[in-house]
Amino acid sequence: MEEDLASAPVILGIDDLRPLPGATRVARTSRDGVQLLQEHRETFVDELWLDHDLGGDDSIMPVVTLLEEAAFDGRPFRIGTVFVHSANPIGAETVVRSLTRWNYRVRRAVAQRSPTRG
């Protein structure tokens, strides 16, 4: 059983509302997202799911900045694929462009609108 846990994929999500059933851990704010990534700094993250708008004035940009700064310092986070699943097309494209520039493997995923956001 321990071997199964050691080989289980690490899937992190940062989204304020959507359920992310495949995720091992989910953060609901950018602050918690930054902390979540810092906790996994030395871990290979198989998938990282990012939503742009995180409620109110909060957005994913502090997390993106953390990822960019790590790459700039020559120590990018080890992430298989970053999936951007925001319903905000302009915000999503900003995230995709920013992380692609730093050689993260980024894919745009289709997001379902949250029932509370319409």
PDB file of N, CA and C in Angstrom:
ATOM      1  N   MET A   1       0.824  -1.197   0.000  1.00  0.00           N
ATOM      2  CA  MET A   1       0.000   0.000   0.000  1.00  0.00           C
ATOM      3  C   MET A   1       0.862   1.253   0.000  1.00  0.00           C
ATOM      4  N   GLU A   2       1.955   1.276   0.748  1.00  0.00           N
ATOM      5  CA  GLU A   2       2.819   2.453   0.780  1.00  0.00           C
ATOM      6  C   GLU A   2       3.412   2.741  -0.585  1.00  0.00           C
ATOM      7  N   GLU A   3       3.746   1.690  -1.348  1.00  0.00           N
ATOM      8  CA  GLU A   3       4.279   1.914  -2.692  1.00  0.00           C
ATOM      9  C   GLU A   3       3.258   2.628  -3.560  1.00  0.00           C
ATOM     10  N   ASP A   4       1.974   2.254  -3.434  1.00  0.00           N
ATOM     11  CA  ASP A   4       0.936   2.902  -4.218  1.00  0.00           C
ATOM     12  C   ASP A   4       0.857   4.386  -3.891  1.00  0.00           C
ATOM     13  N   LEU A   5       0.964   4.731  -2.618  1.00  0.00           N
ATOM     14  CA  LEU A   5       0.915   6.128  -2.225  1.00  0.00           C
ATOM     15  C   LEU A   5       2.111   6.893  -2.758  1.00  0.00           C
ATOM     16  N   ALA A   6       3.274   6.270  -2.731  1.00  0.00           N
ATOM     17  CA  ALA A   6       4.482   6.944  -3.208  1.00  0.00           C
ATOM     18  C   ALA A   6       4.404   7.219  -4.706  1.00  0.00           C
ATOM     19  N   SER A   7       3.720   6.354  -5.451  1.00  0.00           N
ATOM     20  CA  SER A   7       3.655   6.539  -6.896  1.00  0.00           C
ATOM     21  C   SER A   7       2.373   7.253  -7.339  1.00  0.00           C
ATOM     22  N   ALA A   8       1.522   7.599  -6.399  1.00  0.00           N
ATOM     23  CA  ALA A   8       0.282   8.299  -6.757  1.00  0.00           C
ATOM     24  C   ALA A   8       0.620   9.671  -7.332  1.00  0.00           C
ATOM     25  N   PRO A   9      -0.060  10.068  -8.398  1.00  0.00           N
ATOM     26  CA  PRO A   9       0.227  11.382  -8.986  1.00  0.00           C
ATOM     27  C   PRO A   9      -0.132  12.516  -8.031  1.00  0.00           C
ATOM     28  N   VAL A  10       0.648  13.573  -8.110  1.00  0.00           N
ATOM     29  CA  VAL A  10       0.370  14.783  -7.335  1.00  0.00           C
ATOM     30  C   VAL A  10      -0.352  15.746  -8.267  1.00  0.00           C
ATOM     31  N   ILE A  11      -1.599  16.039  -7.929  1.00  0.00           N
ATOM     32  CA  ILE A  11      -2.416  16.929  -8.743  1.00  0.00           C
ATOM     33  C   ILE A  11      -2.916  18.039  -7.826  1.00  0.00           C
ATOM     34  N   LEU A  12      -2.470  19.263  -8.100  1.00  0.00           N
ATOM     35  CA  LEU A  12      -2.837  20.411  -7.287  1.00  0.00           C
ATOM     36  C   LEU A  12      -3.786  21.309  -8.063  1.00  0.00           C
ATOM     37  N   GLY A  13      -4.726  21.904  -7.351  1.00  0.00           N
ATOM     38  CA  GLY A  13      -5.663  22.812  -7.982  1.00  0.00           C
ATOM     39  C   GLY A  13      -5.789  24.101  -7.198  1.00  0.00           C
ATOM     40  N   ILE A  14      -5.936  25.199  -7.914  1.00  0.00           N
ATOM     41  CA  ILE A  14      -6.191  26.493  -7.280  1.00  0.00           C
ATOM     42  C   ILE A  14      -7.407  27.089  -7.982  1.00  0.00           C
ATOM     43  N   ASP A  15      -8.520  27.061  -7.267  1.00  0.00           N
ATOM     44  CA  ASP A  15      -9.801  27.500  -7.811  1.00  0.00           C
ATOM     45  C   ASP A  15     -10.705  27.827  -6.639  1.00  0.00           C
ATOM     46  N   ASP A  16     -11.368  28.965  -6.694  1.00  0.00           N
ATOM     47  CA  ASP A  16     -12.183  29.376  -5.552  1.00  0.00           C
ATOM     48  C   ASP A  16     -13.487  28.604  -5.408  1.00  0.00           C
ATOM     49  N   LEU A  17     -14.064  28.115  -6.496  1.00  0.00           N
ATOM     50  CA  LEU A  17     -15.387  27.509  -6.404  1.00  0.00           C
ATOM     51  C   LEU A  17     -15.524  26.106  -6.974  1.00  0.00           C
ATOM     52  N   ARG A  18     -14.882  25.845  -8.080  1.00  0.00           N
ATOM     53  CA  ARG A  18     -15.118  24.576  -8.771  1.00  0.00           C
ATOM     54  C   ARG A  18     -14.620  23.391  -7.945  1.00  0.00           C
ATOM     55  N   PRO A  19     -15.390  22.317  -7.967  1.00  0.00           N
ATOM     56  CA  PRO A  19     -14.854  21.083  -7.387  1.00  0.00           C
ATOM     57  C   PRO A  19     -13.804  20.540  -8.361  1.00  0.00           C
ATOM     58  N   LEU A  20     -12.711  20.084  -7.856  1.00  0.00           N
ATOM     59  CA  LEU A  20     -11.650  19.495  -8.687  1.00  0.00           C
ATOM     60  C   LEU A  20     -11.446  18.071  -8.181  1.00  0.00           C
ATOM     61  N   PRO A  21     -12.318  17.157  -8.604  1.00  0.00           N
ATOM     62  CA  PRO A  21     -12.331  15.814  -8.022  1.00  0.00           C
ATOM     63  C   PRO A  21     -11.031  15.031  -8.202  1.00  0.00           C
ATOM     64  N   GLY A  22     -10.264  15.337  -9.234  1.00  0.00           N
ATOM     65  CA  GLY A  22      -9.011  14.607  -9.440  1.00  0.00           C
ATOM     66  C   GLY A  22      -7.845  15.150  -8.634  1.00  0.00           C
ATOM     67  N   ALA A  23      -8.040  16.291  -8.007  1.00  0.00           N
ATOM     68  CA  ALA A  23      -6.929  16.951  -7.310  1.00  0.00           C
ATOM     69  C   ALA A  23      -6.624  16.286  -5.970  1.00  0.00           C
ATOM     70  N   THR A  24      -5.333  16.194  -5.674  1.00  0.00           N
ATOM     71  CA  THR A  24      -4.894  15.684  -4.382  1.00  0.00           C
ATOM     72  C   THR A  24      -5.090  16.744  -3.307  1.00  0.00           C
ATOM     73  N   ARG A  25      -4.846  18.009  -3.682  1.00  0.00           N
ATOM     74  CA  ARG A  25      -5.019  19.148  -2.773  1.00  0.00           C
ATOM     75  C   ARG A  25      -5.569  20.322  -3.577  1.00  0.00           C
ATOM     76  N   VAL A  26      -6.406  21.137  -2.921  1.00  0.00           N
ATOM     77  CA  VAL A  26      -7.004  22.301  -3.574  1.00  0.00           C
ATOM     78  C   VAL A  26      -6.839  23.512  -2.669  1.00  0.00           C
ATOM     79  N   ALA A  27      -6.443  24.625  -3.265  1.00  0.00           N
ATOM     80  CA  ALA A  27      -6.393  25.916  -2.572  1.00  0.00           C
ATOM     81  C   ALA A  27      -7.489  26.782  -3.169  1.00  0.00           C
ATOM     82  N   ARG A  28      -8.103  27.612  -2.339  1.00  0.00           N
ATOM     83  CA  ARG A  28      -9.231  28.424  -2.792  1.00  0.00           C
ATOM     84  C   ARG A  28      -8.893  29.899  -2.955  1.00  0.00           C
ATOM     85  N   THR A  29      -7.697  30.325  -2.544  1.00  0.00           N
ATOM     86  CA  THR A  29      -7.262  31.720  -2.694  1.00  0.00           C
ATOM     87  C   THR A  29      -5.850  31.736  -3.251  1.00  0.00           C
ATOM     88  N   SER A  30      -5.419  32.890  -3.762  1.00  0.00           N
ATOM     89  CA  SER A  30      -4.042  32.981  -4.272  1.00  0.00           C
ATOM     90  C   SER A  30      -3.037  32.805  -3.134  1.00  0.00           C
ATOM     91  N   ARG A  31      -3.352  33.341  -1.972  1.00  0.00           N
ATOM     92  CA  ARG A  31      -2.448  33.192  -0.824  1.00  0.00           C
ATOM     93  C   ARG A  31      -2.268  31.715  -0.462  1.00  0.00           C
ATOM     94  N   ASP A  32      -3.377  30.975  -0.391  1.00  0.00           N
ATOM     95  CA  ASP A  32      -3.294  29.544  -0.099  1.00  0.00           C
ATOM     96  C   ASP A  32      -2.625  28.791  -1.249  1.00  0.00           C
ATOM     97  N   GLY A  33      -2.825  29.273  -2.479  1.00  0.00           N
ATOM     98  CA  GLY A  33      -2.183  28.653  -3.636  1.00  0.00           C
ATOM     99  C   GLY A  33      -0.669  28.789  -3.590  1.00  0.00           C
ATOM    100  N   VAL A  34      -0.186  29.973  -3.218  1.00  0.00           N
ATOM    101  CA  VAL A  34       1.256  30.199  -3.074  1.00  0.00           C
ATOM    102  C   VAL A  34       1.800  29.265  -2.001  1.00  0.00           C
ATOM    103  N   GLN A  35       1.103  29.180  -0.881  1.00  0.00           N
ATOM    104  CA  GLN A  35       1.541  28.302   0.217  1.00  0.00           C
ATOM    105  C   GLN A  35       1.545  26.842  -0.227  1.00  0.00           C
ATOM    106  N   LEU A  36       0.522  26.432  -0.955  1.00  0.00           N
ATOM    107  CA  LEU A  36       0.437  25.063  -1.447  1.00  0.00           C
ATOM    108  C   LEU A  36       1.624  24.728  -2.347  1.00  0.00           C
ATOM    109  N   LEU A  37       1.947  25.627  -3.255  1.00  0.00           N
ATOM    110  CA  LEU A  37       3.102  25.385  -4.127  1.00  0.00           C
ATOM    111  C   LEU A  37       4.403  25.361  -3.335  1.00  0.00           C
ATOM    112  N   GLN A  38       4.547  26.249  -2.372  1.00  0.00           N
ATOM    113  CA  GLN A  38       5.766  26.260  -1.564  1.00  0.00           C
ATOM    114  C   GLN A  38       5.917  24.948  -0.795  1.00  0.00           C
ATOM    115  N   GLU A  39       4.801  24.381  -0.331  1.00  0.00           N
ATOM    116  CA  GLU A  39       4.837  23.088   0.361  1.00  0.00           C
ATOM    117  C   GLU A  39       5.287  21.965  -0.575  1.00  0.00           C
ATOM    118  N   HIS A  40       5.061  22.136  -1.867  1.00  0.00           N
ATOM    119  CA  HIS A  40       5.427  21.119  -2.865  1.00  0.00           C
ATOM    120  C   HIS A  40       6.663  21.538  -3.666  1.00  0.00           C
ATOM    121  N   ARG A  41       7.461  22.417  -3.110  1.00  0.00           N
ATOM    122  CA  ARG A  41       8.616  22.962  -3.833  1.00  0.00           C
ATOM    123  C   ARG A  41       9.573  21.889  -4.321  1.00  0.00           C
ATOM    124  N   GLU A  42       9.783  20.867  -3.518  1.00  0.00           N
ATOM    125  CA  GLU A  42      10.750  19.822  -3.878  1.00  0.00           C
ATOM    126  C   GLU A  42      10.075  18.581  -4.454  1.00  0.00           C
ATOM    127  N   THR A  43       8.805  18.672  -4.755  1.00  0.00           N
ATOM    128  CA  THR A  43       8.026  17.538  -5.253  1.00  0.00           C
ATOM    129  C   THR A  43       7.733  17.724  -6.735  1.00  0.00           C
ATOM    130  N   PHE A  44       7.728  16.631  -7.481  1.00  0.00           N
ATOM    131  CA  PHE A  44       7.251  16.708  -8.861  1.00  0.00           C
ATOM    132  C   PHE A  44       5.729  16.759  -8.814  1.00  0.00           C
ATOM    133  N   VAL A  45       5.167  17.782  -9.416  1.00  0.00           N
ATOM    134  CA  VAL A  45       3.721  17.954  -9.488  1.00  0.00           C
ATOM    135  C   VAL A  45       3.287  17.501 -10.883  1.00  0.00           C
ATOM    136  N   ASP A  46       2.501  16.445 -10.939  1.00  0.00           N
ATOM    137  CA  ASP A  46       2.074  15.917 -12.234  1.00  0.00           C
ATOM    138  C   ASP A  46       1.190  16.911 -12.979  1.00  0.00           C
ATOM    139  N   GLU A  47       0.225  17.484 -12.263  1.00  0.00           N
ATOM    140  CA  GLU A  47      -0.689  18.449 -12.874  1.00  0.00           C
ATOM    141  C   GLU A  47      -0.953  19.584 -11.896  1.00  0.00           C
ATOM    142  N   LEU A  48      -1.021  20.788 -12.448  1.00  0.00           N
ATOM    143  CA  LEU A  48      -1.401  21.964 -11.683  1.00  0.00           C
ATOM    144  C   LEU A  48      -2.558  22.619 -12.424  1.00  0.00           C
ATOM    145  N   TRP A  49      -3.716  22.718 -11.767  1.00  0.00           N
ATOM    146  CA  TRP A  49      -4.916  23.300 -12.370  1.00  0.00           C
ATOM    147  C   TRP A  49      -5.107  24.694 -11.813  1.00  0.00           C
ATOM    148  N   LEU A  50      -5.211  25.686 -12.693  1.00  0.00           N
ATOM    149  CA  LEU A  50      -5.319  27.076 -12.278  1.00  0.00           C
ATOM    150  C   LEU A  50      -6.570  27.742 -12.848  1.00  0.00           C
ATOM    151  N   ASP A  51      -7.276  28.443 -11.971  1.00  0.00           N
ATOM    152  CA  ASP A  51      -8.379  29.312 -12.370  1.00  0.00           C
ATOM    153  C   ASP A  51      -7.853  30.736 -12.256  1.00  0.00           C
ATOM    154  N   HIS A  52      -8.229  31.617 -13.152  1.00  0.00           N
ATOM    155  CA  HIS A  52      -7.727  32.998 -13.085  1.00  0.00           C
ATOM    156  C   HIS A  52      -8.419  33.803 -11.998  1.00  0.00           C
ATOM    157  N   ASP A  53      -9.748  33.851 -12.026  1.00  0.00           N
ATOM    158  CA  ASP A  53     -10.507  34.664 -11.073  1.00  0.00           C
ATOM    159  C   ASP A  53     -10.798  33.851  -9.824  1.00  0.00           C
ATOM    160  N   LEU A  54     -10.361  34.371  -8.677  1.00  0.00           N
ATOM    161  CA  LEU A  54     -10.501  33.627  -7.424  1.00  0.00           C
ATOM    162  C   LEU A  54     -11.436  34.317  -6.438  1.00  0.00           C
ATOM    163  N   GLY A  55     -12.369  35.087  -6.939  1.00  0.00           N
ATOM    164  CA  GLY A  55     -13.362  35.731  -6.087  1.00  0.00           C
ATOM    165  C   GLY A  55     -12.926  37.116  -5.636  1.00  0.00           C
ATOM    166  N   GLY A  56     -13.853  38.051  -5.679  1.00  0.00           N
ATOM    167  CA  GLY A  56     -13.548  39.426  -5.289  1.00  0.00           C
ATOM    168  C   GLY A  56     -12.421  39.988  -6.144  1.00  0.00           C
ATOM    169  N   ASP A  57     -11.441  40.599  -5.486  1.00  0.00           N
ATOM    170  CA  ASP A  57     -10.289  41.161  -6.196  1.00  0.00           C
ATOM    171  C   ASP A  57      -9.148  40.165  -6.345  1.00  0.00           C
ATOM    172  N   ASP A  58      -9.318  38.943  -5.866  1.00  0.00           N
ATOM    173  CA  ASP A  58      -8.247  37.947  -5.891  1.00  0.00           C
ATOM    174  C   ASP A  58      -8.149  37.304  -7.274  1.00  0.00           C
ATOM    175  N   SER A  59      -6.928  37.051  -7.704  1.00  0.00           N
ATOM    176  CA  SER A  59      -6.700  36.346  -8.970  1.00  0.00           C
ATOM    177  C   SER A  59      -5.513  35.407  -8.795  1.00  0.00           C
ATOM    178  N   ILE A  60      -5.250  34.635  -9.809  1.00  0.00           N
ATOM    179  CA  ILE A  60      -4.168  33.650  -9.786  1.00  0.00           C
ATOM    180  C   ILE A  60      -2.789  34.296  -9.970  1.00  0.00           C
ATOM    181  N   MET A  61      -2.748  35.593 -10.259  1.00  0.00           N
ATOM    182  CA  MET A  61      -1.484  36.230 -10.626  1.00  0.00           C
ATOM    183  C   MET A  61      -0.369  36.123  -9.563  1.00  0.00           C
ATOM    184  N   PRO A  62      -0.633  36.164  -8.252  1.00  0.00           N
ATOM    185  CA  PRO A  62       0.468  35.933  -7.297  1.00  0.00           C
ATOM    186  C   PRO A  62       1.099  34.546  -7.452  1.00  0.00           C
ATOM    187  N   VAL A  63       0.293  33.558  -7.814  1.00  0.00           N
ATOM    188  CA  VAL A  63       0.808  32.208  -8.047  1.00  0.00           C
ATOM    189  C   VAL A  63       1.660  32.196  -9.314  1.00  0.00           C
ATOM    190  N   VAL A  64       1.165  32.855 -10.358  1.00  0.00           N
ATOM    191  CA  VAL A  64       1.914  32.947 -11.617  1.00  0.00           C
ATOM    192  C   VAL A  64       3.253  33.645 -11.373  1.00  0.00           C
ATOM    193  N   THR A  65       3.241  34.704 -10.590  1.00  0.00           N
ATOM    194  CA  THR A  65       4.480  35.422 -10.271  1.00  0.00           C
ATOM    195  C   THR A  65       5.466  34.515  -9.549  1.00  0.00           C
ATOM    196  N   LEU A  66       4.983  33.711  -8.606  1.00  0.00           N
ATOM    197  CA  LEU A  66       5.849  32.757  -7.907  1.00  0.00           C
ATOM    198  C   LEU A  66       6.507  31.791  -8.897  1.00  0.00           C
ATOM    199  N   LEU A  67       5.716  31.258  -9.816  1.00  0.00           N
ATOM    200  CA  LEU A  67       6.238  30.327 -10.821  1.00  0.00           C
ATOM    201  C   LEU A  67       7.251  31.012 -11.742  1.00  0.00           C
ATOM    202  N   GLU A  68       6.948  32.243 -12.150  1.00  0.00           N
ATOM    203  CA  GLU A  68       7.859  32.993 -13.023  1.00  0.00           C
ATOM    204  C   GLU A  68       9.177  33.292 -12.310  1.00  0.00           C
ATOM    205  N   GLU A  69       9.105  33.747 -11.068  1.00  0.00           N
ATOM    206  CA  GLU A  69      10.323  34.083 -10.321  1.00  0.00           C
ATOM    207  C   GLU A  69      11.196  32.856 -10.103  1.00  0.00           C
ATOM    208  N   ALA A  70      10.568  31.701  -9.851  1.00  0.00           N
ATOM    209  CA  ALA A  70      11.331  30.465  -9.682  1.00  0.00           C
ATOM    210  C   ALA A  70      12.083  30.128 -10.975  1.00  0.00           C
ATOM    211  N   ALA A  71      11.414  30.279 -12.106  1.00  0.00           N
ATOM    212  CA  ALA A  71      12.057  30.009 -13.398  1.00  0.00           C
ATOM    213  C   ALA A  71      13.165  31.021 -13.670  1.00  0.00           C
ATOM    214  N   PHE A  72      12.907  32.284 -13.362  1.00  0.00           N
ATOM    215  CA  PHE A  72      13.915  33.333 -13.556  1.00  0.00           C
ATOM    216  C   PHE A  72      15.172  33.028 -12.743  1.00  0.00           C
ATOM    217  N   ASP A  73      14.983  32.495 -11.532  1.00  0.00           N
ATOM    218  CA  ASP A  73      16.112  32.148 -10.658  1.00  0.00           C
ATOM    219  C   ASP A  73      16.793  30.840 -11.057  1.00  0.00           C
ATOM    220  N   GLY A  74      16.307  30.212 -12.132  1.00  0.00           N
ATOM    221  CA  GLY A  74      16.922  28.974 -12.603  1.00  0.00           C
ATOM    222  C   GLY A  74      16.470  27.738 -11.847  1.00  0.00           C
ATOM    223  N   ARG A  75      15.414  27.863 -11.041  1.00  0.00           N
ATOM    224  CA  ARG A  75      14.877  26.733 -10.289  1.00  0.00           C
ATOM    225  C   ARG A  75      13.370  26.636 -10.494  1.00  0.00           C
ATOM    226  N   PRO A  76      12.937  26.423 -11.737  1.00  0.00           N
ATOM    227  CA  PRO A  76      11.491  26.352 -11.963  1.00  0.00           C
ATOM    228  C   PRO A  76      10.877  25.199 -11.177  1.00  0.00           C
ATOM    229  N   PHE A  77       9.621  25.359 -10.836  1.00  0.00           N
ATOM    230  CA  PHE A  77       8.903  24.255 -10.209  1.00  0.00           C
ATOM    231  C   PHE A  77       8.846  23.109 -11.206  1.00  0.00           C
ATOM    232  N   ARG A  78       8.923  21.895 -10.697  1.00  0.00           N
ATOM    233  CA  ARG A  78       8.861  20.715 -11.559  1.00  0.00           C
ATOM    234  C   ARG A  78       7.391  20.303 -11.689  1.00  0.00           C
ATOM    235  N   ILE A  79       6.813  20.689 -12.824  1.00  0.00           N
ATOM    236  CA  ILE A  79       5.392  20.454 -13.069  1.00  0.00           C
ATOM    237  C   ILE A  79       5.249  19.796 -14.429  1.00  0.00           C
ATOM    238  N   GLY A  80       4.513  18.684 -14.466  1.00  0.00           N
ATOM    239  CA  GLY A  80       4.269  18.012 -15.737  1.00  0.00           C
ATOM    240  C   GLY A  80       3.497  18.908 -16.686  1.00  0.00           C
ATOM    241  N   THR A  81       2.285  19.274 -16.302  1.00  0.00           N
ATOM    242  CA  THR A  81       1.446  20.145 -17.127  1.00  0.00           C
ATOM    243  C   THR A  81       0.656  21.092 -16.236  1.00  0.00           C
ATOM    244  N   VAL A  82       0.609  22.347 -16.648  1.00  0.00           N
ATOM    245  CA  VAL A  82      -0.250  23.342 -16.005  1.00  0.00           C
ATOM    246  C   VAL A  82      -1.496  23.461 -16.876  1.00  0.00           C
ATOM    247  N   PHE A  83      -2.661  23.242 -16.276  1.00  0.00           N
ATOM    248  CA  PHE A  83      -3.925  23.397 -16.980  1.00  0.00           C
ATOM    249  C   PHE A  83      -4.585  24.684 -16.502  1.00  0.00           C
ATOM    250  N   VAL A  84      -4.912  25.564 -17.435  1.00  0.00           N
ATOM    251  CA  VAL A  84      -5.586  26.816 -17.114  1.00  0.00           C
ATOM    252  C   VAL A  84      -7.040  26.628 -17.520  1.00  0.00           C
ATOM    253  N   HIS A  85      -7.940  26.638 -16.530  1.00  0.00           N
ATOM    254  CA  HIS A  85      -9.333  26.302 -16.789  1.00  0.00           C
ATOM    255  C   HIS A  85     -10.291  27.441 -16.459  1.00  0.00           C
ATOM    256  N   SER A  86      -9.837  28.647 -16.554  1.00  0.00           N
ATOM    257  CA  SER A  86     -10.636  29.817 -16.220  1.00  0.00           C
ATOM    258  C   SER A  86     -11.733  30.090 -17.249  1.00  0.00           C
ATOM    259  N   ALA A  87     -12.869  30.570 -16.755  1.00  0.00           N
ATOM    260  CA  ALA A  87     -13.939  31.014 -17.646  1.00  0.00           C
ATOM    261  C   ALA A  87     -13.673  32.436 -18.150  1.00  0.00           C
ATOM    262  N   ASN A  88     -12.591  33.051 -17.687  1.00  0.00           N
ATOM    263  CA  ASN A  88     -12.198  34.397 -18.111  1.00  0.00           C
ATOM    264  C   ASN A  88     -11.164  34.244 -19.231  1.00  0.00           C
ATOM    265  N   PRO A  89     -11.566  34.403 -20.503  1.00  0.00           N
ATOM    266  CA  PRO A  89     -10.645  34.120 -21.608  1.00  0.00           C
ATOM    267  C   PRO A  89      -9.418  35.026 -21.642  1.00  0.00           C
ATOM    268  N   ILE A  90      -9.576  36.290 -21.301  1.00  0.00           N
ATOM    269  CA  ILE A  90      -8.431  37.202 -21.322  1.00  0.00           C
ATOM    270  C   ILE A  90      -7.466  36.863 -20.191  1.00  0.00           C
ATOM    271  N   GLY A  91      -7.998  36.624 -18.994  1.00  0.00           N
ATOM    272  CA  GLY A  91      -7.156  36.238 -17.864  1.00  0.00           C
ATOM    273  C   GLY A  91      -6.452  34.912 -18.123  1.00  0.00           C
ATOM    274  N   ALA A  92      -7.178  33.958 -18.685  1.00  0.00           N
ATOM    275  CA  ALA A  92      -6.585  32.649 -18.983  1.00  0.00           C
ATOM    276  C   ALA A  92      -5.440  32.779 -19.980  1.00  0.00           C
ATOM    277  N   GLU A  93      -5.651  33.579 -21.027  1.00  0.00           N
ATOM    278  CA  GLU A  93      -4.603  33.763 -22.037  1.00  0.00           C
ATOM    279  C   GLU A  93      -3.367  34.427 -21.432  1.00  0.00           C
ATOM    280  N   THR A  94      -3.564  35.360 -20.516  1.00  0.00           N
ATOM    281  CA  THR A  94      -2.439  35.999 -19.829  1.00  0.00           C
ATOM    282  C   THR A  94      -1.617  34.968 -19.074  1.00  0.00           C
ATOM    283  N   VAL A  95      -2.292  34.065 -18.355  1.00  0.00           N
ATOM    284  CA  VAL A  95      -1.600  33.018 -17.600  1.00  0.00           C
ATOM    285  C   VAL A  95      -0.853  32.088 -18.549  1.00  0.00           C
ATOM    286  N   VAL A  96      -1.518  31.659 -19.610  1.00  0.00           N
ATOM    287  CA  VAL A  96      -0.884  30.752 -20.579  1.00  0.00           C
ATOM    288  C   VAL A  96       0.372  31.386 -21.166  1.00  0.00           C
ATOM    289  N   ARG A  97       0.263  32.645 -21.616  1.00  0.00           N
ATOM    290  CA  ARG A  97       1.423  33.313 -22.208  1.00  0.00           C
ATOM    291  C   ARG A  97       2.558  33.490 -21.196  1.00  0.00           C
ATOM    292  N   SER A  98       2.209  33.906 -19.987  1.00  0.00           N
ATOM    293  CA  SER A  98       3.227  34.160 -18.960  1.00  0.00           C
ATOM    294  C   SER A  98       4.009  32.891 -18.630  1.00  0.00           C
ATOM    295  N   LEU A  99       3.306  31.792 -18.420  1.00  0.00           N
ATOM    296  CA  LEU A  99       3.989  30.556 -18.016  1.00  0.00           C
ATOM    297  C   LEU A  99       4.685  29.873 -19.190  1.00  0.00           C
ATOM    298  N   THR A 100       4.109  29.979 -20.379  1.00  0.00           N
ATOM    299  CA  THR A 100       4.752  29.406 -21.565  1.00  0.00           C
ATOM    300  C   THR A 100       6.091  30.091 -21.822  1.00  0.00           C
ATOM    301  N   ARG A 101       6.135  31.385 -21.601  1.00  0.00           N
ATOM    302  CA  ARG A 101       7.371  32.154 -21.789  1.00  0.00           C
ATOM    303  C   ARG A 101       8.502  31.591 -20.932  1.00  0.00           C
ATOM    304  N   TRP A 102       8.157  31.006 -19.775  1.00  0.00           N
ATOM    305  CA  TRP A 102       9.162  30.457 -18.857  1.00  0.00           C
ATOM    306  C   TRP A 102       9.299  28.943 -18.995  1.00  0.00           C
ATOM    307  N   ASN A 103       8.834  28.419 -20.125  1.00  0.00           N
ATOM    308  CA  ASN A 103       9.000  27.008 -20.482  1.00  0.00           C
ATOM    309  C   ASN A 103       8.237  26.021 -19.620  1.00  0.00           C
ATOM    310  N   TYR A 104       7.182  26.486 -18.965  1.00  0.00           N
ATOM    311  CA  TYR A 104       6.272  25.538 -18.332  1.00  0.00           C
ATOM    312  C   TYR A 104       5.384  24.977 -19.432  1.00  0.00           C
ATOM    313  N   ARG A 105       5.015  23.719 -19.307  1.00  0.00           N
ATOM    314  CA  ARG A 105       4.103  23.110 -20.275  1.00  0.00           C
ATOM    315  C   ARG A 105       2.688  23.487 -19.851  1.00  0.00           C
ATOM    316  N   VAL A 106       2.016  24.281 -20.674  1.00  0.00           N
ATOM    317  CA  VAL A 106       0.716  24.843 -20.311  1.00  0.00           C
ATOM    318  C   VAL A 106      -0.328  24.456 -21.349  1.00  0.00           C
ATOM    319  N   ARG A 107      -1.496  24.084 -20.860  1.00  0.00           N
ATOM    320  CA  ARG A 107      -2.620  23.750 -21.736  1.00  0.00           C
ATOM    321  C   ARG A 107      -3.841  24.529 -21.261  1.00  0.00           C
ATOM    322  N   ARG A 108      -4.614  24.991 -22.206  1.00  0.00           N
ATOM    323  CA  ARG A 108      -5.876  25.660 -21.892  1.00  0.00           C
ATOM    324  C   ARG A 108      -6.941  24.589 -21.802  1.00  0.00           C
ATOM    325  N   ALA A 109      -7.685  24.556 -20.716  1.00  0.00           N
ATOM    326  CA  ALA A 109      -8.772  23.601 -20.537  1.00  0.00           C
ATOM    327  C   ALA A 109     -10.086  24.366 -20.511  1.00  0.00           C
ATOM    328  N   VAL A 110     -11.135  23.731 -20.959  1.00  0.00           N
ATOM    329  CA  VAL A 110     -12.442  24.375 -20.962  1.00  0.00           C
ATOM    330  C   VAL A 110     -12.983  24.376 -19.542  1.00  0.00           C
ATOM    331  N   ALA A 111     -13.456  25.519 -19.110  1.00  0.00           N
ATOM    332  CA  ALA A 111     -13.999  25.650 -17.757  1.00  0.00           C
ATOM    333  C   ALA A 111     -15.507  25.699 -17.795  1.00  0.00           C
ATOM    334  N   GLN A 112     -16.099  25.039 -16.849  1.00  0.00           N
ATOM    335  CA  GLN A 112     -17.540  25.175 -16.660  1.00  0.00           C
ATOM    336  C   GLN A 112     -17.764  26.419 -15.809  1.00  0.00           C
ATOM    337  N   ARG A 113     -18.749  27.206 -16.164  1.00  0.00           N
ATOM    338  CA  ARG A 113     -19.078  28.361 -15.327  1.00  0.00           C
ATOM    339  C   ARG A 113     -19.678  27.868 -14.032  1.00  0.00           C
ATOM    340  N   SER A 114     -19.286  28.524 -12.961  1.00  0.00           N
ATOM    341  CA  SER A 114     -19.852  28.193 -11.670  1.00  0.00           C
ATOM    342  C   SER A 114     -21.297  28.659 -11.631  1.00  0.00           C
ATOM    343  N   PRO A 115     -22.199  27.891 -11.006  1.00  0.00           N
ATOM    344  CA  PRO A 115     -23.598  28.311 -10.934  1.00  0.00           C
ATOM    345  C   PRO A 115     -23.764  29.655 -10.238  1.00  0.00           C
ATOM    346  N   THR A 116     -22.868  30.019  -9.329  1.00  0.00           N
ATOM    347  CA  THR A 116     -23.003  31.284  -8.617  1.00  0.00           C
ATOM    348  C   THR A 116     -22.453  32.451  -9.417  1.00  0.00           C
ATOM    349  N   ARG A 117     -21.742  32.188 -10.508  1.00  0.00           N
ATOM    350  CA  ARG A 117     -21.176  33.278 -11.318  1.00  0.00           C
ATOM    351  C   ARG A 117     -21.948  33.502 -12.604  1.00  0.00           C
ATOM    352  N   GLY A 118     -22.836  32.572 -12.967  1.00  0.00           N
ATOM    353  CA  GLY A 118     -23.666  32.752 -14.165  1.00  0.00           C
ATOM    354  C   GLY A 118     -23.005  32.549 -15.449  1.00  0.00           C
TER     355      GLY A 118
END
